PDB file of N, CA and C in Angstrom:
ATOM      1  N   UNK A   1     -11.856   0.834   6.602  1.00  0.00           N
ATOM      2  CA  UNK A   1     -11.938  -0.602   6.789  1.00  0.00           C
ATOM      3  C   UNK A   1     -10.845  -1.010   7.761  1.00  0.00           C
ATOM      4  N   UNK A   2     -11.199  -1.762   8.758  1.00  0.00           N
ATOM      5  CA  UNK A   2     -10.233  -2.239   9.743  1.00  0.00           C
ATOM      6  C   UNK A   2      -9.745  -3.633   9.341  1.00  0.00           C
ATOM      7  N   UNK A   3      -8.746  -4.114  10.079  1.00  0.00           N
ATOM      8  CA  UNK A   3      -8.235  -5.450   9.793  1.00  0.00           C
ATOM      9  C   UNK A   3      -9.322  -6.496  10.047  1.00  0.00           C
ATOM     10  N   UNK A   4     -10.144  -6.286  11.068  1.00  0.00           N
ATOM     11  CA  UNK A   4     -11.244  -7.213  11.345  1.00  0.00           C
ATOM     12  C   UNK A   4     -12.240  -7.235  10.180  1.00  0.00           C
ATOM     13  N   UNK A   5     -12.520  -6.068   9.606  1.00  0.00           N
ATOM     14  CA  UNK A   5     -13.404  -6.004   8.430  1.00  0.00           C
ATOM     15  C   UNK A   5     -12.786  -6.743   7.254  1.00  0.00           C
ATOM     16  N   UNK A   6     -11.476  -6.595   7.082  1.00  0.00           N
ATOM     17  CA  UNK A   6     -10.775  -7.279   6.002  1.00  0.00           C
ATOM     18  C   UNK A   6     -10.856  -8.789   6.183  1.00  0.00           C
ATOM     19  N   UNK A   7     -10.641  -9.263   7.399  1.00  0.00           N
ATOM     20  CA  UNK A   7     -10.735 -10.704   7.681  1.00  0.00           C
ATOM     21  C   UNK A   7     -12.146 -11.193   7.382  1.00  0.00           C
ATOM     22  N   UNK A   8     -13.132 -10.423   7.779  1.00  0.00           N
ATOM     23  CA  UNK A   8     -14.534 -10.790   7.532  1.00  0.00           C
ATOM     24  C   UNK A   8     -14.808 -10.903   6.032  1.00  0.00           C
ATOM     25  N   UNK A   9     -14.327  -9.940   5.272  1.00  0.00           N
ATOM     26  CA  UNK A   9     -14.547  -9.953   3.818  1.00  0.00           C
ATOM     27  C   UNK A   9     -13.846 -11.122   3.144  1.00  0.00           C
ATOM     28  N   UNK A  10     -12.593 -11.380   3.541  1.00  0.00           N
ATOM     29  CA  UNK A  10     -11.835 -12.479   2.932  1.00  0.00           C
ATOM     30  C   UNK A  10     -12.499 -13.814   3.267  1.00  0.00           C
ATOM     31  N   UNK A  11     -12.924 -13.974   4.509  1.00  0.00           N
ATOM     32  CA  UNK A  11     -13.608 -15.210   4.912  1.00  0.00           C
ATOM     33  C   UNK A  11     -14.887 -15.395   4.100  1.00  0.00           C
ATOM     34  N   UNK A  12     -15.656 -14.329   3.915  1.00  0.00           N
ATOM     35  CA  UNK A  12     -16.902 -14.409   3.148  1.00  0.00           C
ATOM     36  C   UNK A  12     -16.609 -14.751   1.688  1.00  0.00           C
ATOM     37  N   UNK A  13     -15.570 -14.158   1.126  1.00  0.00           N
ATOM     38  CA  UNK A  13     -15.216 -14.421  -0.274  1.00  0.00           C
ATOM     39  C   UNK A  13     -14.807 -15.881  -0.466  1.00  0.00           C
ATOM     40  N   UNK A  14     -14.002 -16.397   0.457  1.00  0.00           N
ATOM     41  CA  UNK A  14     -13.579 -17.800   0.352  1.00  0.00           C
ATOM     42  C   UNK A  14     -14.782 -18.721   0.518  1.00  0.00           C
ATOM     43  N   UNK A  15     -15.677 -18.388   1.432  1.00  0.00           N
ATOM     44  CA  UNK A  15     -16.876 -19.213   1.643  1.00  0.00           C
ATOM     45  C   UNK A  15     -17.750 -19.257   0.401  1.00  0.00           C
ATOM     46  N   UNK A  16     -17.849 -18.109  -0.307  1.00  0.00           N
ATOM     47  CA  UNK A  16     -18.668 -18.069  -1.531  1.00  0.00           C
ATOM     48  C   UNK A  16     -18.063 -18.899  -2.647  1.00  0.00           C
ATOM     49  N   UNK A  17     -16.737 -18.876  -2.779  1.00  0.00           N
ATOM     50  CA  UNK A  17     -16.110 -19.540  -3.922  1.00  0.00           C
ATOM     51  C   UNK A  17     -15.721 -20.986  -3.643  1.00  0.00           C
ATOM     52  N   UNK A  18     -15.286 -21.285  -2.432  1.00  0.00           N
ATOM     53  CA  UNK A  18     -14.777 -22.630  -2.154  1.00  0.00           C
ATOM     54  C   UNK A  18     -15.567 -23.362  -1.078  1.00  0.00           C
ATOM     55  N   UNK A  19     -16.594 -22.755  -0.559  1.00  0.00           N
ATOM     56  CA  UNK A  19     -17.356 -23.379   0.514  1.00  0.00           C
ATOM     57  C   UNK A  19     -16.739 -23.032   1.860  1.00  0.00           C
ATOM     58  N   UNK A  20     -17.428 -23.392   2.936  1.00  0.00           N
ATOM     59  CA  UNK A  20     -16.938 -23.029   4.279  1.00  0.00           C
ATOM     60  C   UNK A  20     -15.761 -23.890   4.720  1.00  0.00           C
ATOM     61  N   UNK A  21     -14.632 -23.741   4.030  1.00  0.00           N
ATOM     62  CA  UNK A  21     -13.465 -24.572   4.310  1.00  0.00           C
ATOM     63  C   UNK A  21     -12.509 -23.913   5.293  1.00  0.00           C
ATOM     64  N   UNK A  22     -12.639 -22.616   5.534  1.00  0.00           N
ATOM     65  CA  UNK A  22     -11.685 -21.914   6.377  1.00  0.00           C
ATOM     66  C   UNK A  22     -12.450 -21.145   7.452  1.00  0.00           C
ATOM     67  N   UNK A  23     -11.937 -21.244   8.664  1.00  0.00           N
ATOM     68  CA  UNK A  23     -12.584 -20.526   9.756  1.00  0.00           C
ATOM     69  C   UNK A  23     -12.113 -19.075   9.765  1.00  0.00           C
ATOM     70  N   UNK A  24     -12.852 -18.250  10.480  1.00  0.00           N
ATOM     71  CA  UNK A  24     -12.484 -16.841  10.576  1.00  0.00           C
ATOM     72  C   UNK A  24     -11.135 -16.697  11.292  1.00  0.00           C
ATOM     73  N   UNK A  25     -10.876 -17.571  12.245  1.00  0.00           N
ATOM     74  CA  UNK A  25      -9.611 -17.532  12.984  1.00  0.00           C
ATOM     75  C   UNK A  25      -8.432 -17.862  12.063  1.00  0.00           C
ATOM     76  N   UNK A  26      -8.610 -18.870  11.201  1.00  0.00           N
ATOM     77  CA  UNK A  26      -7.559 -19.225  10.245  1.00  0.00           C
ATOM     78  C   UNK A  26      -7.346 -18.107   9.231  1.00  0.00           C
ATOM     79  N   UNK A  27      -8.432 -17.509   8.806  1.00  0.00           N
ATOM     80  CA  UNK A  27      -8.332 -16.407   7.854  1.00  0.00           C
ATOM     81  C   UNK A  27      -7.597 -15.222   8.490  1.00  0.00           C
ATOM     82  N   UNK A  28      -7.839 -14.972   9.760  1.00  0.00           N
ATOM     83  CA  UNK A  28      -7.140 -13.897  10.468  1.00  0.00           C
ATOM     84  C   UNK A  28      -5.641 -14.192  10.517  1.00  0.00           C
ATOM     85  N   UNK A  29      -5.278 -15.448  10.684  1.00  0.00           N
ATOM     86  CA  UNK A  29      -3.860 -15.830  10.682  1.00  0.00           C
ATOM     87  C   UNK A  29      -3.225 -15.566   9.314  1.00  0.00           C
ATOM     88  N   UNK A  30      -3.969 -15.855   8.251  1.00  0.00           N
ATOM     89  CA  UNK A  30      -3.460 -15.628   6.897  1.00  0.00           C
ATOM     90  C   UNK A  30      -3.247 -14.137   6.657  1.00  0.00           C
ATOM     91  N   UNK A  31      -4.230 -13.326   7.022  1.00  0.00           N
ATOM     92  CA  UNK A  31      -4.117 -11.881   6.842  1.00  0.00           C
ATOM     93  C   UNK A  31      -2.950 -11.339   7.667  1.00  0.00           C
ATOM     94  N   UNK A  32      -2.829 -11.778   8.919  1.00  0.00           N
ATOM     95  CA  UNK A  32      -1.717 -11.337   9.770  1.00  0.00           C
ATOM     96  C   UNK A  32      -0.373 -11.754   9.185  1.00  0.00           C
ATOM     97  N   UNK A  33      -0.292 -12.972   8.673  1.00  0.00           N
ATOM     98  CA  UNK A  33       0.960 -13.452   8.081  1.00  0.00           C
ATOM     99  C   UNK A  33       1.330 -12.647   6.841  1.00  0.00           C
ATOM    100  N   UNK A  34       0.349 -12.322   6.034  1.00  0.00           N
ATOM    101  CA  UNK A  34       0.578 -11.510   4.839  1.00  0.00           C
ATOM    102  C   UNK A  34       1.121 -10.135   5.219  1.00  0.00           C
ATOM    103  N   UNK A  35       0.473  -9.507   6.170  1.00  0.00           N
ATOM    104  CA  UNK A  35       0.920  -8.179   6.607  1.00  0.00           C
ATOM    105  C   UNK A  35       2.299  -8.239   7.268  1.00  0.00           C
ATOM    106  N   UNK A  36       2.557  -9.296   8.044  1.00  0.00           N
ATOM    107  CA  UNK A  36       3.883  -9.453   8.663  1.00  0.00           C
ATOM    108  C   UNK A  36       4.963  -9.639   7.611  1.00  0.00           C
ATOM    109  N   UNK A  37       4.654 -10.384   6.545  1.00  0.00           N
ATOM    110  CA  UNK A  37       5.631 -10.590   5.474  1.00  0.00           C
ATOM    111  C   UNK A  37       5.970  -9.263   4.803  1.00  0.00           C
ATOM    112  N   UNK A  38       4.971  -8.410   4.589  1.00  0.00           N
ATOM    113  CA  UNK A  38       5.220  -7.091   4.006  1.00  0.00           C
ATOM    114  C   UNK A  38       6.081  -6.255   4.939  1.00  0.00           C
ATOM    115  N   UNK A  39       5.753  -6.250   6.224  1.00  0.00           N
ATOM    116  CA  UNK A  39       6.533  -5.479   7.207  1.00  0.00           C
ATOM    117  C   UNK A  39       7.988  -5.935   7.247  1.00  0.00           C
ATOM    118  N   UNK A  40       8.193  -7.249   7.278  1.00  0.00           N
ATOM    119  CA  UNK A  40       9.555  -7.777   7.347  1.00  0.00           C
ATOM    120  C   UNK A  40      10.358  -7.423   6.097  1.00  0.00           C
ATOM    121  N   UNK A  41       9.731  -7.522   4.937  1.00  0.00           N
ATOM    122  CA  UNK A  41      10.430  -7.188   3.693  1.00  0.00           C
ATOM    123  C   UNK A  41      10.809  -5.709   3.678  1.00  0.00           C
ATOM    124  N   UNK A  42       9.907  -4.834   4.104  1.00  0.00           N
ATOM    125  CA  UNK A  42      10.215  -3.407   4.154  1.00  0.00           C
ATOM    126  C   UNK A  42      11.311  -3.123   5.178  1.00  0.00           C
ATOM    127  N   UNK A  43      11.288  -3.832   6.285  1.00  0.00           N
ATOM    128  CA  UNK A  43      12.330  -3.663   7.303  1.00  0.00           C
ATOM    129  C   UNK A  43      13.700  -4.046   6.748  1.00  0.00           C
ATOM    130  N   UNK A  44      13.720  -5.019   5.839  1.00  0.00           N
ATOM    131  CA  UNK A  44      14.962  -5.448   5.196  1.00  0.00           C
ATOM    132  C   UNK A  44      15.292  -4.613   3.960  1.00  0.00           C
ATOM    133  N   UNK A  45      14.559  -3.497   3.776  1.00  0.00           N
ATOM    134  CA  UNK A  45      14.779  -2.567   2.658  1.00  0.00           C
ATOM    135  C   UNK A  45      14.472  -3.205   1.304  1.00  0.00           C
ATOM    136  N   UNK A  46      13.549  -4.141   1.256  1.00  0.00           N
ATOM    137  CA  UNK A  46      13.162  -4.795   0.013  1.00  0.00           C
ATOM    138  C   UNK A  46      11.835  -4.221  -0.473  1.00  0.00           C
ATOM    139  N   UNK A  47      11.626  -4.211  -1.791  1.00  0.00           N
ATOM    140  CA  UNK A  47      10.363  -3.786  -2.384  1.00  0.00           C
ATOM    141  C   UNK A  47       9.438  -4.993  -2.523  1.00  0.00           C
ATOM    142  N   UNK A  48       8.140  -4.756  -2.415  1.00  0.00           N
ATOM    143  CA  UNK A  48       7.146  -5.800  -2.600  1.00  0.00           C
ATOM    144  C   UNK A  48       6.240  -5.369  -3.734  1.00  0.00           C
ATOM    145  N   UNK A  49       6.155  -6.183  -4.774  1.00  0.00           N
ATOM    146  CA  UNK A  49       5.305  -5.859  -5.913  1.00  0.00           C
ATOM    147  C   UNK A  49       4.180  -6.878  -5.997  1.00  0.00           C
ATOM    148  N   UNK A  50       2.942  -6.396  -5.929  1.00  0.00           N
ATOM    149  CA  UNK A  50       1.769  -7.239  -6.077  1.00  0.00           C
ATOM    150  C   UNK A  50       1.111  -6.830  -7.390  1.00  0.00           C
ATOM    151  N   UNK A  51       1.240  -7.664  -8.398  1.00  0.00           N
ATOM    152  CA  UNK A  51       0.740  -7.340  -9.741  1.00  0.00           C
ATOM    153  C   UNK A  51      -0.751  -7.018  -9.690  1.00  0.00           C
ATOM    154  N   UNK A  52      -1.122  -5.950 -10.356  1.00  0.00           N
ATOM    155  CA  UNK A  52      -2.514  -5.531 -10.396  1.00  0.00           C
ATOM    156  C   UNK A  52      -2.952  -4.758  -9.176  1.00  0.00           C
ATOM    157  N   UNK A  53      -2.088  -4.643  -8.170  1.00  0.00           N
ATOM    158  CA  UNK A  53      -2.436  -3.911  -6.952  1.00  0.00           C
ATOM    159  C   UNK A  53      -1.505  -2.722  -6.739  1.00  0.00           C
ATOM    160  N   UNK A  54      -0.204  -3.001  -6.645  1.00  0.00           N
ATOM    161  CA  UNK A  54       0.746  -1.920  -6.466  1.00  0.00           C
ATOM    162  C   UNK A  54       2.062  -2.402  -5.881  1.00  0.00           C
ATOM    163  N   UNK A  55       2.910  -1.433  -5.534  1.00  0.00           N
ATOM    164  CA  UNK A  55       4.239  -1.736  -5.029  1.00  0.00           C
ATOM    165  C   UNK A  55       4.475  -1.012  -3.711  1.00  0.00           C
ATOM    166  N   UNK A  56       4.955  -1.755  -2.737  1.00  0.00           N
ATOM    167  CA  UNK A  56       5.392  -1.176  -1.473  1.00  0.00           C
ATOM    168  C   UNK A  56       6.898  -0.986  -1.589  1.00  0.00           C
ATOM    169  N   UNK A  57       7.384   0.227  -1.325  1.00  0.00           N
ATOM    170  CA  UNK A  57       8.805   0.522  -1.465  1.00  0.00           C
ATOM    171  C   UNK A  57       9.307   1.258  -0.226  1.00  0.00           C
ATOM    172  N   UNK A  58      10.624   1.336  -0.149  1.00  0.00           N
ATOM    173  CA  UNK A  58      11.275   2.171   0.848  1.00  0.00           C
ATOM    174  C   UNK A  58      11.872   3.352   0.111  1.00  0.00           C
ATOM    175  N   UNK A  59      11.509   4.550   0.527  1.00  0.00           N
ATOM    176  CA  UNK A  59      12.078   5.766  -0.050  1.00  0.00           C
ATOM    177  C   UNK A  59      12.954   6.409   1.028  1.00  0.00           C
ATOM    178  N   UNK A  60      14.116   6.890   0.612  1.00  0.00           N
ATOM    179  CA  UNK A  60      15.046   7.504   1.564  1.00  0.00           C
ATOM    180  C   UNK A  60      14.870   9.013   1.539  1.00  0.00           C
ATOM    181  N   UNK A  61      14.430   9.559   2.674  1.00  0.00           N
ATOM    182  CA  UNK A  61      14.271  11.010   2.790  1.00  0.00           C
ATOM    183  C   UNK A  61      15.597  11.621   3.192  1.00  0.00           C
ATOM    184  N   UNK A  62      15.882  12.782   2.638  1.00  0.00           N
ATOM    185  CA  UNK A  62      17.123  13.490   2.953  1.00  0.00           C
ATOM    186  C   UNK A  62      16.963  14.273   4.253  1.00  0.00           C
ATOM    187  N   UNK A  63      18.095  14.671   4.807  1.00  0.00           N
ATOM    188  CA  UNK A  63      18.066  15.543   5.970  1.00  0.00           C
ATOM    189  C   UNK A  63      17.458  16.877   5.547  1.00  0.00           C
ATOM    190  N   UNK A  64      16.610  17.436   6.415  1.00  0.00           N
ATOM    191  CA  UNK A  64      15.968  18.708   6.074  1.00  0.00           C
ATOM    192  C   UNK A  64      15.782  19.545   7.329  1.00  0.00           C
ATOM    193  N   UNK A  65      15.516  20.811   7.105  1.00  0.00           N
ATOM    194  CA  UNK A  65      15.250  21.721   8.218  1.00  0.00           C
ATOM    195  C   UNK A  65      13.739  21.880   8.362  1.00  0.00           C
ATOM    196  N   UNK A  66      13.269  21.837   9.597  1.00  0.00           N
ATOM    197  CA  UNK A  66      11.857  22.033   9.905  1.00  0.00           C
ATOM    198  C   UNK A  66      11.767  23.053  11.036  1.00  0.00           C
ATOM    199  N   UNK A  67      10.570  23.380  11.444  1.00  0.00           N
ATOM    200  CA  UNK A  67      10.385  24.332  12.541  1.00  0.00           C
ATOM    201  C   UNK A  67       9.583  23.688  13.662  1.00  0.00           C
ATOM    202  N   UNK A  68       9.986  23.989  14.870  1.00  0.00           N
ATOM    203  CA  UNK A  68       9.227  23.583  16.041  1.00  0.00           C
ATOM    204  C   UNK A  68       7.981  24.468  16.074  1.00  0.00           C
ATOM    205  N   UNK A  69       6.785  23.901  15.975  1.00  0.00           N
ATOM    206  CA  UNK A  69       5.591  24.739  15.901  1.00  0.00           C
ATOM    207  C   UNK A  69       5.330  25.545  17.180  1.00  0.00           C
ATOM    208  N   UNK A  70       5.819  25.068  18.291  1.00  0.00           N
ATOM    209  CA  UNK A  70       5.582  25.767  19.553  1.00  0.00           C
ATOM    210  C   UNK A  70       6.487  26.982  19.700  1.00  0.00           C
ATOM    211  N   UNK A  71       7.783  26.795  19.372  1.00  0.00           N
ATOM    212  CA  UNK A  71       8.738  27.893  19.592  1.00  0.00           C
ATOM    213  C   UNK A  71       9.120  28.612  18.306  1.00  0.00           C
ATOM    214  N   UNK A  72       8.929  27.953  17.168  1.00  0.00           N
ATOM    215  CA  UNK A  72       9.315  28.560  15.900  1.00  0.00           C
ATOM    216  C   UNK A  72      10.791  28.400  15.578  1.00  0.00           C
ATOM    217  N   UNK A  73      11.529  27.752  16.463  1.00  0.00           N
ATOM    218  CA  UNK A  73      12.964  27.584  16.226  1.00  0.00           C
ATOM    219  C   UNK A  73      13.211  26.476  15.200  1.00  0.00           C
ATOM    220  N   UNK A  74      14.260  26.630  14.372  1.00  0.00           N
ATOM    221  CA  UNK A  74      14.560  25.600  13.373  1.00  0.00           C
ATOM    222  C   UNK A  74      15.084  24.319  14.035  1.00  0.00           C
ATOM    223  N   UNK A  75      14.668  23.196  13.470  1.00  0.00           N
ATOM    224  CA  UNK A  75      15.075  21.884  13.969  1.00  0.00           C
ATOM    225  C   UNK A  75      15.508  21.055  12.770  1.00  0.00           C
ATOM    226  N   UNK A  76      16.614  20.343  12.895  1.00  0.00           N
ATOM    227  CA  UNK A  76      17.075  19.482  11.810  1.00  0.00           C
ATOM    228  C   UNK A  76      16.416  18.114  11.935  1.00  0.00           C
ATOM    229  N   UNK A  77      15.781  17.682  10.862  1.00  0.00           N
ATOM    230  CA  UNK A  77      15.168  16.356  10.808  1.00  0.00           C
ATOM    231  C   UNK A  77      16.140  15.466  10.054  1.00  0.00           C
ATOM    232  N   UNK A  78      16.586  14.406  10.709  1.00  0.00           N
ATOM    233  CA  UNK A  78      17.617  13.550  10.120  1.00  0.00           C
ATOM    234  C   UNK A  78      17.079  12.728   8.949  1.00  0.00           C
ATOM    235  N   UNK A  79      17.993  12.265   8.121  1.00  0.00           N
ATOM    236  CA  UNK A  79      17.645  11.411   6.981  1.00  0.00           C
ATOM    237  C   UNK A  79      17.132  10.084   7.520  1.00  0.00           C
ATOM    238  N   UNK A  80      16.136   9.537   6.818  1.00  0.00           N
ATOM    239  CA  UNK A  80      15.589   8.263   7.275  1.00  0.00           C
ATOM    240  C   UNK A  80      14.818   7.597   6.147  1.00  0.00           C
ATOM    241  N   UNK A  81      14.705   6.286   6.198  1.00  0.00           N
ATOM    242  CA  UNK A  81      13.887   5.586   5.209  1.00  0.00           C
ATOM    243  C   UNK A  81      12.412   5.636   5.623  1.00  0.00           C
ATOM    244  N   UNK A  82      11.513   5.785   4.654  1.00  0.00           N
ATOM    245  CA  UNK A  82      10.079   5.788   4.920  1.00  0.00           C
ATOM    246  C   UNK A  82       9.387   4.831   3.944  1.00  0.00           C
ATOM    247  N   UNK A  83       8.375   4.110   4.409  1.00  0.00           N
ATOM    248  CA  UNK A  83       7.644   3.227   3.501  1.00  0.00           C
ATOM    249  C   UNK A  83       6.667   4.039   2.654  1.00  0.00           C
ATOM    250  N   UNK A  84       6.543   3.669   1.381  1.00  0.00           N
ATOM    251  CA  UNK A  84       5.596   4.307   0.475  1.00  0.00           C
ATOM    252  C   UNK A  84       4.868   3.226  -0.312  1.00  0.00           C
ATOM    253  N   UNK A  85       3.691   3.574  -0.822  1.00  0.00           N
ATOM    254  CA  UNK A  85       2.912   2.658  -1.652  1.00  0.00           C
ATOM    255  C   UNK A  85       2.607   3.346  -2.963  1.00  0.00           C
ATOM    256  N   UNK A  86       2.904   2.667  -4.063  1.00  0.00           N
ATOM    257  CA  UNK A  86       2.584   3.190  -5.388  1.00  0.00           C
ATOM    258  C   UNK A  86       1.563   2.243  -6.013  1.00  0.00           C
ATOM    259  N   UNK A  87       0.337   2.719  -6.220  1.00  0.00           N
ATOM    260  CA  UNK A  87      -0.684   1.849  -6.799  1.00  0.00           C
ATOM    261  C   UNK A  87      -0.407   1.539  -8.263  1.00  0.00           C
ATOM    262  N   UNK A  88      -0.875   0.380  -8.709  1.00  0.00           N
ATOM    263  CA  UNK A  88      -0.709  -0.009 -10.116  1.00  0.00           C
ATOM    264  C   UNK A  88      -1.679   0.779 -10.983  1.00  0.00           C
ATOM    265  N   UNK A  89      -1.444   0.732 -12.284  1.00  0.00           N
ATOM    266  CA  UNK A  89      -2.351   1.407 -13.222  1.00  0.00           C
ATOM    267  C   UNK A  89      -3.762   0.838 -13.105  1.00  0.00           C
ATOM    268  N   UNK A  90      -3.852  -0.476 -12.951  1.00  0.00           N
ATOM    269  CA  UNK A  90      -5.161  -1.111 -12.843  1.00  0.00           C
ATOM    270  C   UNK A  90      -5.919  -0.607 -11.621  1.00  0.00           C
ATOM    271  N   UNK A  91      -5.245  -0.505 -10.485  1.00  0.00           N
ATOM    272  CA  UNK A  91      -5.895  -0.035  -9.258  1.00  0.00           C
ATOM    273  C   UNK A  91      -6.305   1.428  -9.381  1.00  0.00           C
ATOM    274  N   UNK A  92      -5.419   2.252  -9.955  1.00  0.00           N
ATOM    275  CA  UNK A  92      -5.759   3.665 -10.129  1.00  0.00           C
ATOM    276  C   UNK A  92      -6.969   3.830 -11.038  1.00  0.00           C
ATOM    277  N   UNK A  93      -7.026   3.036 -12.116  1.00  0.00           N
ATOM    278  CA  UNK A  93      -8.162   3.114 -13.036  1.00  0.00           C
ATOM    279  C   UNK A  93      -9.448   2.646 -12.354  1.00  0.00           C
ATOM    280  N   UNK A  94      -9.361   1.597 -11.549  1.00  0.00           N
ATOM    281  CA  UNK A  94     -10.530   1.072 -10.866  1.00  0.00           C
ATOM    282  C   UNK A  94     -11.065   2.089  -9.849  1.00  0.00           C
ATOM    283  N   UNK A  95     -10.183   2.718  -9.099  1.00  0.00           N
ATOM    284  CA  UNK A  95     -10.591   3.712  -8.104  1.00  0.00           C
ATOM    285  C   UNK A  95     -11.209   4.929  -8.784  1.00  0.00           C
ATOM    286  N   UNK A  96     -10.642   5.344  -9.908  1.00  0.00           N
ATOM    287  CA  UNK A  96     -11.156   6.495 -10.653  1.00  0.00           C
ATOM    288  C   UNK A  96     -12.379   6.134 -11.483  1.00  0.00           C
ATOM    289  N   UNK A  97     -12.715   4.839 -11.542  1.00  0.00           N
ATOM    290  CA  UNK A  97     -13.864   4.343 -12.293  1.00  0.00           C
ATOM    291  C   UNK A  97     -13.754   4.699 -13.777  1.00  0.00           C
ATOM    292  N   UNK A  98     -12.538   4.494 -14.324  1.00  0.00           N
ATOM    293  CA  UNK A  98     -12.307   4.733 -15.748  1.00  0.00           C
ATOM    294  C   UNK A  98     -11.638   3.508 -16.355  1.00  0.00           C
ATOM    295  N   UNK A  99     -11.627   3.456 -17.670  1.00  0.00           N
ATOM    296  CA  UNK A  99     -10.976   2.368 -18.386  1.00  0.00           C
ATOM    297  C   UNK A  99      -9.459   2.566 -18.320  1.00  0.00           C
ATOM    298  N   UNK A 100      -8.696   1.502 -18.224  1.00  0.00           N
ATOM    299  CA  UNK A 100      -7.239   1.605 -18.106  1.00  0.00           C
ATOM    300  C   UNK A 100      -6.629   2.280 -19.331  1.00  0.00           C
ATOM    301  N   UNK A 101      -7.238   2.122 -20.498  1.00  0.00           N
ATOM    302  CA  UNK A 101      -6.726   2.779 -21.704  1.00  0.00           C
ATOM    303  C   UNK A 101      -6.825   4.300 -21.554  1.00  0.00           C
ATOM    304  N   UNK A 102      -7.907   4.781 -20.923  1.00  0.00           N
ATOM    305  CA  UNK A 102      -8.056   6.221 -20.689  1.00  0.00           C
ATOM    306  C   UNK A 102      -6.959   6.729 -19.762  1.00  0.00           C
ATOM    307  N   UNK A 103      -6.611   5.928 -18.768  1.00  0.00           N
ATOM    308  CA  UNK A 103      -5.560   6.307 -17.824  1.00  0.00           C
ATOM    309  C   UNK A 103      -4.216   6.398 -18.536  1.00  0.00           C
ATOM    310  N   UNK A 104      -3.938   5.460 -19.420  1.00  0.00           N
ATOM    311  CA  UNK A 104      -2.677   5.494 -20.164  1.00  0.00           C
ATOM    312  C   UNK A 104      -2.625   6.704 -21.092  1.00  0.00           C
ATOM    313  N   UNK A 105      -3.758   7.065 -21.708  1.00  0.00           N
ATOM    314  CA  UNK A 105      -3.804   8.257 -22.556  1.00  0.00           C
ATOM    315  C   UNK A 105      -3.538   9.522 -21.753  1.00  0.00           C
ATOM    316  N   UNK A 106      -4.091   9.597 -20.524  1.00  0.00           N
ATOM    317  CA  UNK A 106      -3.851  10.753 -19.662  1.00  0.00           C
ATOM    318  C   UNK A 106      -2.370  10.862 -19.324  1.00  0.00           C
ATOM    319  N   UNK A 107      -1.724   9.730 -19.049  1.00  0.00           N
ATOM    320  CA  UNK A 107      -0.303   9.743 -18.704  1.00  0.00           C
ATOM    321  C   UNK A 107       0.537  10.210 -19.885  1.00  0.00           C
ATOM    322  N   UNK A 108       0.161   9.790 -21.110  1.00  0.00           N
ATOM    323  CA  UNK A 108       0.898  10.220 -22.298  1.00  0.00           C
ATOM    324  C   UNK A 108       0.754  11.722 -22.496  1.00  0.00           C
ATOM    325  N   UNK A 109      -0.453  12.257 -22.316  1.00  0.00           N
ATOM    326  CA  UNK A 109      -0.676  13.686 -22.463  1.00  0.00           C
ATOM    327  C   UNK A 109       0.114  14.473 -21.415  1.00  0.00           C
ATOM    328  N   UNK A 110       0.152  13.939 -20.203  1.00  0.00           N
ATOM    329  CA  UNK A 110       0.861  14.597 -19.114  1.00  0.00           C
ATOM    330  C   UNK A 110       2.365  14.612 -19.363  1.00  0.00           C
ATOM    331  N   UNK A 111       2.901  13.490 -19.885  1.00  0.00           N
ATOM    332  CA  UNK A 111       4.341  13.410 -20.117  1.00  0.00           C
ATOM    333  C   UNK A 111       4.783  14.272 -21.298  1.00  0.00           C
ATOM    334  N   UNK A 112       3.893  14.522 -22.264  1.00  0.00           N
ATOM    335  CA  UNK A 112       4.226  15.353 -23.419  1.00  0.00           C
ATOM    336  C   UNK A 112       4.234  16.828 -23.056  1.00  0.00           C
ATOM    337  N   UNK A 113       3.475  17.222 -22.055  1.00  0.00           N
ATOM    338  CA  UNK A 113       3.355  18.641 -21.694  1.00  0.00           C
ATOM    339  C   UNK A 113       4.564  19.147 -20.952  1.00  0.00           C
TER     340      UNK A 113
END
């Protein structure tokens, strides 16, 4: 799904529930503003939590050794922050097409092992 597809879907959803009150151009501005707010928060090293969806975080990777695939020589990759997304239990259950209670039971079994 592209950003244009997302704008199309959001515009259609708003039209179904509230009537044709928002243009596709305005909806594109809203989607862009939402994504910009997430980018800015991550740039400031802040976490973003959207209940029922997930959390955008910054994880700090340590310095590590890697290999140049062309020459095979070792190369040091410096430490750096990377953005990560952790989906909520509700989203994971919805994607797996299971009940959230089943997901919680799986997590309990996994943590006991």
